[in-house]
Protein backbone atom coordinates (compact mmCIF):
# COMPACT_ATOMS: atom_id res chain seq x y z
CA MET A 1 81.96 117.76 83.52
CA ALA A 2 79.27 116.22 81.37
CA ASN A 3 77.14 113.33 82.56
CA THR A 4 79.00 111.08 80.16
CA GLU A 5 82.49 111.96 81.41
CA ILE A 6 84.38 108.94 82.68
CA LEU A 7 85.51 109.25 86.30
CA GLY A 8 87.36 105.99 86.68
CA GLU A 9 87.91 102.59 85.17
CA ASN A 10 87.49 99.44 87.25
CA GLU A 11 88.27 96.23 85.36
CA MET A 12 86.85 97.59 82.09
CA VAL A 13 83.77 99.06 83.82
CA LYS A 14 83.59 102.81 83.36
CA ILE A 15 82.04 104.78 86.20
CA LYS A 16 80.39 108.05 85.16
CA VAL A 17 78.44 110.85 86.80
CA GLY A 18 74.87 109.60 87.13
CA ASP A 19 75.75 105.89 87.40
CA ARG A 20 74.31 103.81 90.23
CA VAL A 21 76.95 102.03 92.28
CA ARG A 22 77.14 99.60 95.20
CA ILE A 23 79.77 100.01 97.90
CA LYS A 24 81.84 96.86 98.29
CA ASP A 25 82.44 95.21 101.67
CA ARG A 26 85.87 95.61 103.23
CA ALA A 27 87.27 92.31 104.47
CA ASN A 28 89.89 93.98 106.67
CA TRP A 29 87.36 96.17 108.54
CA PRO A 30 87.23 95.55 112.32
CA THR A 31 84.22 93.60 113.57
CA PRO A 32 81.98 94.26 115.28
CA PRO A 33 80.38 96.39 113.90
CA GLY A 34 81.95 95.65 110.53
CA TYR A 35 81.88 97.97 107.54
CA ARG A 36 78.50 99.67 107.91
CA LEU A 37 78.39 100.99 104.37
CA ALA A 38 78.91 97.58 102.75
CA ASN A 39 76.29 96.98 100.05
CA ALA A 40 74.81 100.47 100.37
CA GLU A 41 73.82 101.88 96.99
CA GLY A 42 73.96 105.36 95.58
CA ARG A 43 74.46 107.54 92.55
CA VAL A 44 77.73 109.10 91.40
CA VAL A 45 77.40 112.88 91.62
CA LYS A 46 79.45 115.84 90.51
CA TRP A 47 81.41 117.53 93.27
CA LEU A 48 82.73 120.76 91.77
CA GLU A 49 82.23 122.85 88.70
CA TYR A 50 85.99 123.28 88.45
CA GLU A 51 87.52 119.90 87.62
CA GLU A 52 91.09 121.18 87.84
CA VAL A 53 90.74 121.33 91.65
CA MET A 54 90.45 117.53 91.78
CA GLU A 55 92.87 116.65 88.99
CA GLU A 56 95.36 115.31 91.55
CA PHE A 57 92.75 112.97 93.08
CA PRO A 58 91.10 111.17 90.15
CA GLU A 59 90.77 107.90 92.09
CA PHE A 60 88.14 109.41 94.42
CA ILE A 61 84.49 109.37 93.37
CA LEU A 62 81.68 111.22 95.14
CA VAL A 63 78.59 109.07 95.80
CA GLU A 64 75.24 110.19 97.20
CA ILE A 65 73.91 107.31 99.31
CA GLU A 66 70.34 106.44 98.26
CA ASP A 67 69.72 103.03 99.83
CA ALA A 68 71.29 101.32 102.85
CA GLU A 69 70.45 98.73 105.48
CA GLY A 70 70.71 98.58 109.27
CA GLU A 71 72.88 101.15 111.03
CA SER A 72 73.97 102.68 107.73
CA LYS A 73 70.45 104.02 107.01
CA VAL A 74 71.45 107.23 108.81
CA TYR A 75 73.77 107.97 105.86
CA ILE A 76 71.00 107.99 103.23
CA GLY A 77 71.10 111.36 101.47
CA ASN A 78 74.72 112.04 102.46
CA ARG A 79 77.50 112.45 99.93
CA MET A 80 80.76 110.62 100.57
CA PHE A 81 84.01 110.03 98.72
CA PHE A 82 85.08 106.49 97.90
CA GLN A 83 88.08 105.10 96.10
CA GLU A 84 87.20 103.68 92.74
CA GLU A 85 88.11 100.12 93.74
CA SER A 86 85.55 100.29 96.57
CA LEU A 87 82.67 100.66 94.10
CA GLU A 88 80.90 98.39 91.68
CA LYS A 89 78.58 99.65 88.97
CA ILE A 90 75.00 98.31 89.20
């Protein structure tokens, strides 16, 4: 998978490996504490060398968290999967 390969399309915004993204808030998340990863930022990273393994799950994008606030700071440096609609390109 090249750095320019498109991983998903969200309202005409193409998310690619290497792009910086922000995790959207989830209105239906129980409060407190609320959705801890809301507004955290990270970079889209490649998960596997063998794309065919994930062909059945194209709507999931792996993000390495680089910046977060409050209780979510403990996730900085971790890699997590998010559905495409949970991300916005920044």
